[in-house]
Amino acid sequence: MRIFDIMESILIHPESAEQLKTVKAFLKALNIQFEPQPNTLPPHVLKGIEESIKQHESGQTISLKEFKEKHLSNK
């Protein structure tokens, strides 16, 4: 005898604004509750991206070949 059914949640990854709009309309039409979640990155990731952009703008870059030699070579 089942006392209750365990429900599960799904996480959907639309690839365009049009897909997102369509999925939301579909869920609303079926009267399925959903909670939009902002797609944000953690502060430490945003800080790293900002630092990398500044390094690139100031010319502090190396080629892929240089990177491989420096970080991936068998020493």
PDB file of N, CA and C in Angstrom:
ATOM      1  N   MET A   1       0.836  -1.177   0.000  1.00  0.00           N
ATOM      2  CA  MET A   1       0.000   0.000   0.000  1.00  0.00           C
ATOM      3  C   MET A   1       0.883   1.241   0.000  1.00  0.00           C
ATOM      4  N   ARG A   2       0.618   2.157  -0.922  1.00  0.00           N
ATOM      5  CA  ARG A   2       1.378   3.399  -1.014  1.00  0.00           C
ATOM      6  C   ARG A   2       0.699   4.498  -0.234  1.00  0.00           C
ATOM      7  N   ILE A   3       1.456   5.128   0.638  1.00  0.00           N
ATOM      8  CA  ILE A   3       0.906   6.243   1.394  1.00  0.00           C
ATOM      9  C   ILE A   3       0.919   7.504   0.538  1.00  0.00           C
ATOM     10  N   PHE A   4       2.003   7.695  -0.207  1.00  0.00           N
ATOM     11  CA  PHE A   4       2.105   8.862  -1.083  1.00  0.00           C
ATOM     12  C   PHE A   4       3.083   8.555  -2.211  1.00  0.00           C
ATOM     13  N   ASP A   5       2.903   9.241  -3.301  1.00  0.00           N
ATOM     14  CA  ASP A   5       3.834   9.124  -4.427  1.00  0.00           C
ATOM     15  C   ASP A   5       4.907  10.183  -4.285  1.00  0.00           C
ATOM     16  N   ILE A   6       6.137   9.813  -4.516  1.00  0.00           N
ATOM     17  CA  ILE A   6       7.231  10.770  -4.463  1.00  0.00           C
ATOM     18  C   ILE A   6       7.333  11.452  -5.826  1.00  0.00           C
ATOM     19  N   MET A   7       7.201  12.757  -5.803  1.00  0.00           N
ATOM     20  CA  MET A   7       7.298  13.531  -7.034  1.00  0.00           C
ATOM     21  C   MET A   7       8.752  13.904  -7.254  1.00  0.00           C
ATOM     22  N   GLU A   8       9.084  14.183  -8.475  1.00  0.00           N
ATOM     23  CA  GLU A   8      10.432  14.637  -8.765  1.00  0.00           C
ATOM     24  C   GLU A   8      10.372  15.952  -9.530  1.00  0.00           C
ATOM     25  N   SER A   9      11.441  16.685  -9.481  1.00  0.00           N
ATOM     26  CA  SER A   9      11.552  17.940 -10.223  1.00  0.00           C
ATOM     27  C   SER A   9      12.426  17.699 -11.437  1.00  0.00           C
ATOM     28  N   ILE A  10      12.263  18.550 -12.427  1.00  0.00           N
ATOM     29  CA  ILE A  10      13.134  18.480 -13.596  1.00  0.00           C
ATOM     30  C   ILE A  10      13.753  19.845 -13.822  1.00  0.00           C
ATOM     31  N   LEU A  11      14.948  19.853 -14.331  1.00  0.00           N
ATOM     32  CA  LEU A  11      15.646  21.075 -14.666  1.00  0.00           C
ATOM     33  C   LEU A  11      15.753  21.121 -16.185  1.00  0.00           C
ATOM     34  N   ILE A  12      15.242  22.178 -16.785  1.00  0.00           N
ATOM     35  CA  ILE A  12      15.183  22.294 -18.240  1.00  0.00           C
ATOM     36  C   ILE A  12      16.213  23.323 -18.700  1.00  0.00           C
ATOM     37  N   HIS A  13      16.904  23.021 -19.786  1.00  0.00           N
ATOM     38  CA  HIS A  13      17.941  23.905 -20.319  1.00  0.00           C
ATOM     39  C   HIS A  13      17.583  24.351 -21.739  1.00  0.00           C
ATOM     40  N   PRO A  14      16.716  25.349 -21.872  1.00  0.00           N
ATOM     41  CA  PRO A  14      16.380  25.823 -23.227  1.00  0.00           C
ATOM     42  C   PRO A  14      17.608  26.450 -23.883  1.00  0.00           C
ATOM     43  N   GLU A  15      17.678  26.340 -25.194  1.00  0.00           N
ATOM     44  CA  GLU A  15      18.826  26.849 -25.937  1.00  0.00           C
ATOM     45  C   GLU A  15      18.564  28.204 -26.575  1.00  0.00           C
ATOM     46  N   SER A  16      17.360  28.713 -26.410  1.00  0.00           N
ATOM     47  CA  SER A  16      17.048  30.025 -26.983  1.00  0.00           C
ATOM     48  C   SER A  16      15.902  30.658 -26.198  1.00  0.00           C
ATOM     49  N   ALA A  17      15.737  31.955 -26.392  1.00  0.00           N
ATOM     50  CA  ALA A  17      14.641  32.672 -25.750  1.00  0.00           C
ATOM     51  C   ALA A  17      13.297  32.125 -26.226  1.00  0.00           C
ATOM     52  N   GLU A  18      13.224  31.738 -27.489  1.00  0.00           N
ATOM     53  CA  GLU A  18      11.979  31.191 -28.038  1.00  0.00           C
ATOM     54  C   GLU A  18      11.619  29.867 -27.372  1.00  0.00           C
ATOM     55  N   GLN A  19      12.609  28.999 -27.154  1.00  0.00           N
ATOM     56  CA  GLN A  19      12.353  27.734 -26.459  1.00  0.00           C
ATOM     57  C   GLN A  19      11.870  27.989 -25.038  1.00  0.00           C
ATOM     58  N   LEU A  20      12.508  28.921 -24.346  1.00  0.00           N
ATOM     59  CA  LEU A  20      12.110  29.247 -22.979  1.00  0.00           C
ATOM     60  C   LEU A  20      10.664  29.739 -22.942  1.00  0.00           C
ATOM     61  N   LYS A  21      10.320  30.619 -23.860  1.00  0.00           N
ATOM     62  CA  LYS A  21       8.958  31.150 -23.946  1.00  0.00           C
ATOM     63  C   LYS A  21       7.952  30.020 -24.190  1.00  0.00           C
ATOM     64  N   THR A  22       8.298  29.099 -25.079  1.00  0.00           N
ATOM     65  CA  THR A  22       7.411  27.982 -25.411  1.00  0.00           C
ATOM     66  C   THR A  22       7.224  27.045 -24.225  1.00  0.00           C
ATOM     67  N   VAL A  23       8.311  26.733 -23.533  1.00  0.00           N
ATOM     68  CA  VAL A  23       8.227  25.842 -22.368  1.00  0.00           C
ATOM     69  C   VAL A  23       7.367  26.475 -21.282  1.00  0.00           C
ATOM     70  N   LYS A  24       7.564  27.768 -21.017  1.00  0.00           N
ATOM     71  CA  LYS A  24       6.759  28.449 -20.007  1.00  0.00           C
ATOM     72  C   LYS A  24       5.284  28.436 -20.391  1.00  0.00           C
ATOM     73  N   ALA A  25       4.979  28.684 -21.641  1.00  0.00           N
ATOM     74  CA  ALA A  25       3.585  28.668 -22.098  1.00  0.00           C
ATOM     75  C   ALA A  25       2.979  27.277 -21.936  1.00  0.00           C
ATOM     76  N   PHE A  26       3.756  26.248 -22.255  1.00  0.00           N
ATOM     77  CA  PHE A  26       3.301  24.862 -22.126  1.00  0.00           C
ATOM     78  C   PHE A  26       2.989  24.532 -20.665  1.00  0.00           C
ATOM     79  N   LEU A  27       3.898  24.900 -19.769  1.00  0.00           N
ATOM     80  CA  LEU A  27       3.686  24.631 -18.346  1.00  0.00           C
ATOM     81  C   LEU A  27       2.470  25.373 -17.813  1.00  0.00           C
ATOM     82  N   LYS A  28       2.311  26.616 -18.228  1.00  0.00           N
ATOM     83  CA  LYS A  28       1.140  27.389 -17.801  1.00  0.00           C
ATOM     84  C   LYS A  28      -0.144  26.761 -18.323  1.00  0.00           C
ATOM     85  N   ALA A  29      -0.128  26.296 -19.576  1.00  0.00           N
ATOM     86  CA  ALA A  29      -1.321  25.691 -20.171  1.00  0.00           C
ATOM     87  C   ALA A  29      -1.728  24.418 -19.435  1.00  0.00           C
ATOM     88  N   LEU A  30      -0.754  23.680 -18.914  1.00  0.00           N
ATOM     89  CA  LEU A  30      -1.044  22.459 -18.166  1.00  0.00           C
ATOM     90  C   LEU A  30      -1.227  22.723 -16.672  1.00  0.00           C
ATOM     91  N   ASN A  31      -1.169  23.993 -16.299  1.00  0.00           N
ATOM     92  CA  ASN A  31      -1.306  24.394 -14.904  1.00  0.00           C
ATOM     93  C   ASN A  31      -0.266  23.716 -14.009  1.00  0.00           C
ATOM     94  N   ILE A  32       0.972  23.658 -14.525  1.00  0.00           N
ATOM     95  CA  ILE A  32       2.089  23.092 -13.772  1.00  0.00           C
ATOM     96  C   ILE A  32       2.873  24.245 -13.156  1.00  0.00           C
ATOM     97  N   GLN A  33       3.054  24.187 -11.847  1.00  0.00           N
ATOM     98  CA  GLN A  33       3.794  25.245 -11.167  1.00  0.00           C
ATOM     99  C   GLN A  33       5.280  25.149 -11.520  1.00  0.00           C
ATOM    100  N   PHE A  34       5.907  26.307 -11.686  1.00  0.00           N
ATOM    101  CA  PHE A  34       7.350  26.352 -11.922  1.00  0.00           C
ATOM    102  C   PHE A  34       7.910  27.621 -11.318  1.00  0.00           C
ATOM    103  N   GLU A  35       9.195  27.592 -11.055  1.00  0.00           N
ATOM    104  CA  GLU A  35       9.879  28.730 -10.448  1.00  0.00           C
ATOM    105  C   GLU A  35      11.046  29.142 -11.336  1.00  0.00           C
ATOM    106  N   PRO A  36      10.943  30.270 -12.012  1.00  0.00           N
ATOM    107  CA  PRO A  36      12.077  30.738 -12.816  1.00  0.00           C
ATOM    108  C   PRO A  36      13.280  31.020 -11.910  1.00  0.00           C
ATOM    109  N   GLN A  37      14.444  30.613 -12.341  1.00  0.00           N
ATOM    110  CA  GLN A  37      15.668  30.840 -11.584  1.00  0.00           C
ATOM    111  C   GLN A  37      16.641  31.637 -12.446  1.00  0.00           C
ATOM    112  N   PRO A  38      17.171  32.729 -11.908  1.00  0.00           N
ATOM    113  CA  PRO A  38      18.154  33.477 -12.701  1.00  0.00           C
ATOM    114  C   PRO A  38      19.398  32.627 -12.932  1.00  0.00           C
ATOM    115  N   ASN A  39      19.981  32.784 -14.077  1.00  0.00           N
ATOM    116  CA  ASN A  39      21.170  32.027 -14.444  1.00  0.00           C
ATOM    117  C   ASN A  39      22.395  32.874 -14.098  1.00  0.00           C
ATOM    118  N   THR A  40      22.839  32.797 -12.845  1.00  0.00           N
ATOM    119  CA  THR A  40      23.953  33.626 -12.402  1.00  0.00           C
ATOM    120  C   THR A  40      25.146  32.764 -12.026  1.00  0.00           C
ATOM    121  N   LEU A  41      26.317  33.348 -12.162  1.00  0.00           N
ATOM    122  CA  LEU A  41      27.548  32.661 -11.792  1.00  0.00           C
ATOM    123  C   LEU A  41      27.967  33.109 -10.397  1.00  0.00           C
ATOM    124  N   PRO A  42      28.682  32.256  -9.682  1.00  0.00           N
ATOM    125  CA  PRO A  42      29.155  32.645  -8.351  1.00  0.00           C
ATOM    126  C   PRO A  42      30.103  33.843  -8.437  1.00  0.00           C
ATOM    127  N   PRO A  43      30.158  34.661  -7.384  1.00  0.00           N
ATOM    128  CA  PRO A  43      31.002  35.859  -7.393  1.00  0.00           C
ATOM    129  C   PRO A  43      32.467  35.586  -7.730  1.00  0.00           C
ATOM    130  N   HIS A  44      33.025  34.465  -7.237  1.00  0.00           N
ATOM    131  CA  HIS A  44      34.443  34.194  -7.520  1.00  0.00           C
ATOM    132  C   HIS A  44      34.671  33.910  -9.006  1.00  0.00           C
ATOM    133  N   VAL A  45      33.686  33.333  -9.667  1.00  0.00           N
ATOM    134  CA  VAL A  45      33.807  33.080 -11.101  1.00  0.00           C
ATOM    135  C   VAL A  45      33.723  34.395 -11.870  1.00  0.00           C
ATOM    136  N   LEU A  46      32.774  35.258 -11.503  1.00  0.00           N
ATOM    137  CA  LEU A  46      32.651  36.564 -12.152  1.00  0.00           C
ATOM    138  C   LEU A  46      33.920  37.392 -11.969  1.00  0.00           C
ATOM    139  N   LYS A  47      34.516  37.319 -10.770  1.00  0.00           N
ATOM    140  CA  LYS A  47      35.761  38.047 -10.513  1.00  0.00           C
ATOM    141  C   LYS A  47      36.883  37.521 -11.413  1.00  0.00           C
ATOM    142  N   GLY A  48      36.976  36.210 -11.567  1.00  0.00           N
ATOM    143  CA  GLY A  48      37.995  35.614 -12.428  1.00  0.00           C
ATOM    144  C   GLY A  48      37.825  36.005 -13.883  1.00  0.00           C
ATOM    145  N   ILE A  49      36.586  36.054 -14.343  1.00  0.00           N
ATOM    146  CA  ILE A  49      36.303  36.460 -15.723  1.00  0.00           C
ATOM    147  C   ILE A  49      36.716  37.913 -15.933  1.00  0.00           C
ATOM    148  N   GLU A  50      36.348  38.764 -14.981  1.00  0.00           N
ATOM    149  CA  GLU A  50      36.694  40.185 -15.078  1.00  0.00           C
ATOM    150  C   GLU A  50      38.215  40.370 -15.113  1.00  0.00           C
ATOM    151  N   GLU A  51      38.928  39.643 -14.272  1.00  0.00           N
ATOM    152  CA  GLU A  51      40.395  39.733 -14.242  1.00  0.00           C
ATOM    153  C   GLU A  51      41.004  39.271 -15.564  1.00  0.00           C
ATOM    154  N   SER A  52      40.463  38.196 -16.110  1.00  0.00           N
ATOM    155  CA  SER A  52      40.967  37.677 -17.383  1.00  0.00           C
ATOM    156  C   SER A  52      40.736  38.660 -18.524  1.00  0.00           C
ATOM    157  N   ILE A  53      39.594  39.306 -18.533  1.00  0.00           N
ATOM    158  CA  ILE A  53      39.303  40.305 -19.566  1.00  0.00           C
ATOM    159  C   ILE A  53      40.293  41.458 -19.472  1.00  0.00           C
ATOM    160  N   LYS A  54      40.573  41.909 -18.247  1.00  0.00           N
ATOM    161  CA  LYS A  54      41.547  42.994 -18.061  1.00  0.00           C
ATOM    162  C   LYS A  54      42.933  42.572 -18.533  1.00  0.00           C
ATOM    163  N   GLN A  55      43.327  41.331 -18.236  1.00  0.00           N
ATOM    164  CA  GLN A  55      44.628  40.833 -18.690  1.00  0.00           C
ATOM    165  C   GLN A  55      44.692  40.806 -20.209  1.00  0.00           C
ATOM    166  N   HIS A  56      43.641  40.374 -20.838  1.00  0.00           N
ATOM    167  CA  HIS A  56      43.605  40.318 -22.300  1.00  0.00           C
ATOM    168  C   HIS A  56      43.707  41.712 -22.895  1.00  0.00           C
ATOM    169  N   GLU A  57      42.940  42.654 -22.330  1.00  0.00           N
ATOM    170  CA  GLU A  57      42.942  44.027 -22.839  1.00  0.00           C
ATOM    171  C   GLU A  57      44.307  44.696 -22.679  1.00  0.00           C
ATOM    172  N   SER A  58      45.070  44.294 -21.658  1.00  0.00           N
ATOM    173  CA  SER A  58      46.389  44.890 -21.445  1.00  0.00           C
ATOM    174  C   SER A  58      47.494  44.116 -22.157  1.00  0.00           C
ATOM    175  N   GLY A  59      47.108  43.108 -22.936  1.00  0.00           N
ATOM    176  CA  GLY A  59      48.094  42.368 -23.727  1.00  0.00           C
ATOM    177  C   GLY A  59      48.801  41.256 -22.975  1.00  0.00           C
ATOM    178  N   GLN A  60      48.331  40.923 -21.803  1.00  0.00           N
ATOM    179  CA  GLN A  60      48.946  39.854 -21.011  1.00  0.00           C
ATOM    180  C   GLN A  60      48.381  38.502 -21.436  1.00  0.00           C
ATOM    181  N   THR A  61      48.781  38.062 -22.611  1.00  0.00           N
ATOM    182  CA  THR A  61      48.280  36.798 -23.141  1.00  0.00           C
ATOM    183  C   THR A  61      49.448  35.941 -23.622  1.00  0.00           C
ATOM    184  N   ILE A  62      49.177  34.646 -23.754  1.00  0.00           N
ATOM    185  CA  ILE A  62      50.150  33.740 -24.352  1.00  0.00           C
ATOM    186  C   ILE A  62      49.400  32.878 -25.369  1.00  0.00           C
ATOM    187  N   SER A  63      50.139  32.299 -26.294  1.00  0.00           N
ATOM    188  CA  SER A  63      49.509  31.448 -27.301  1.00  0.00           C
ATOM    189  C   SER A  63      49.157  30.095 -26.689  1.00  0.00           C
ATOM    190  N   LEU A  64      48.321  29.350 -27.380  1.00  0.00           N
ATOM    191  CA  LEU A  64      47.950  28.015 -26.916  1.00  0.00           C
ATOM    192  C   LEU A  64      49.191  27.128 -26.848  1.00  0.00           C
ATOM    193  N   LYS A  65      50.077  27.275 -27.822  1.00  0.00           N
ATOM    194  CA  LYS A  65      51.312  26.491 -27.844  1.00  0.00           C
ATOM    195  C   LYS A  65      52.140  26.792 -26.590  1.00  0.00           C
ATOM    196  N   GLU A  66      52.296  28.075 -26.258  1.00  0.00           N
ATOM    197  CA  GLU A  66      53.045  28.459 -25.063  1.00  0.00           C
ATOM    198  C   GLU A  66      52.390  27.897 -23.798  1.00  0.00           C
ATOM    199  N   PHE A  67      51.078  27.951 -23.756  1.00  0.00           N
ATOM    200  CA  PHE A  67      50.344  27.422 -22.600  1.00  0.00           C
ATOM    201  C   PHE A  67      50.611  25.930 -22.434  1.00  0.00           C
ATOM    202  N   LYS A  68      50.508  25.199 -23.544  1.00  0.00           N
ATOM    203  CA  LYS A  68      50.743  23.755 -23.488  1.00  0.00           C
ATOM    204  C   LYS A  68      52.152  23.443 -23.019  1.00  0.00           C
ATOM    205  N   GLU A  69      53.137  24.180 -23.555  1.00  0.00           N
ATOM    206  CA  GLU A  69      54.525  23.958 -23.157  1.00  0.00           C
ATOM    207  C   GLU A  69      54.736  24.244 -21.679  1.00  0.00           C
ATOM    208  N   LYS A  70      54.092  25.290 -21.192  1.00  0.00           N
ATOM    209  CA  LYS A  70      54.270  25.710 -19.808  1.00  0.00           C
ATOM    210  C   LYS A  70      53.526  24.813 -18.817  1.00  0.00           C
ATOM    211  N   HIS A  71      52.310  24.421 -19.156  1.00  0.00           N
ATOM    212  CA  HIS A  71      51.459  23.737 -18.196  1.00  0.00           C
ATOM    213  C   HIS A  71      51.214  22.246 -18.454  1.00  0.00           C
ATOM    214  N   LEU A  72      51.432  21.789 -19.675  1.00  0.00           N
ATOM    215  CA  LEU A  72      51.074  20.418 -19.996  1.00  0.00           C
ATOM    216  C   LEU A  72      52.261  19.550 -20.411  1.00  0.00           C
ATOM    217  N   SER A  73      53.448  20.101 -20.377  1.00  0.00           N
ATOM    218  CA  SER A  73      54.596  19.317 -20.803  1.00  0.00           C
ATOM    219  C   SER A  73      54.955  18.293 -19.735  1.00  0.00           C
ATOM    220  N   ASN A  74      55.469  17.176 -20.172  1.00  0.00           N
ATOM    221  CA  ASN A  74      55.903  16.113 -19.236  1.00  0.00           C
ATOM    222  C   ASN A  74      57.291  16.466 -18.745  1.00  0.00           C
ATOM    223  N   LYS A  75      57.353  16.805 -17.480  1.00  0.00           N
ATOM    224  CA  LYS A  75      58.638  17.222 -16.903  1.00  0.00           C
ATOM    225  C   LYS A  75      59.270  16.085 -16.170  1.00  0.00           C
TER     226      LYS A  75
END
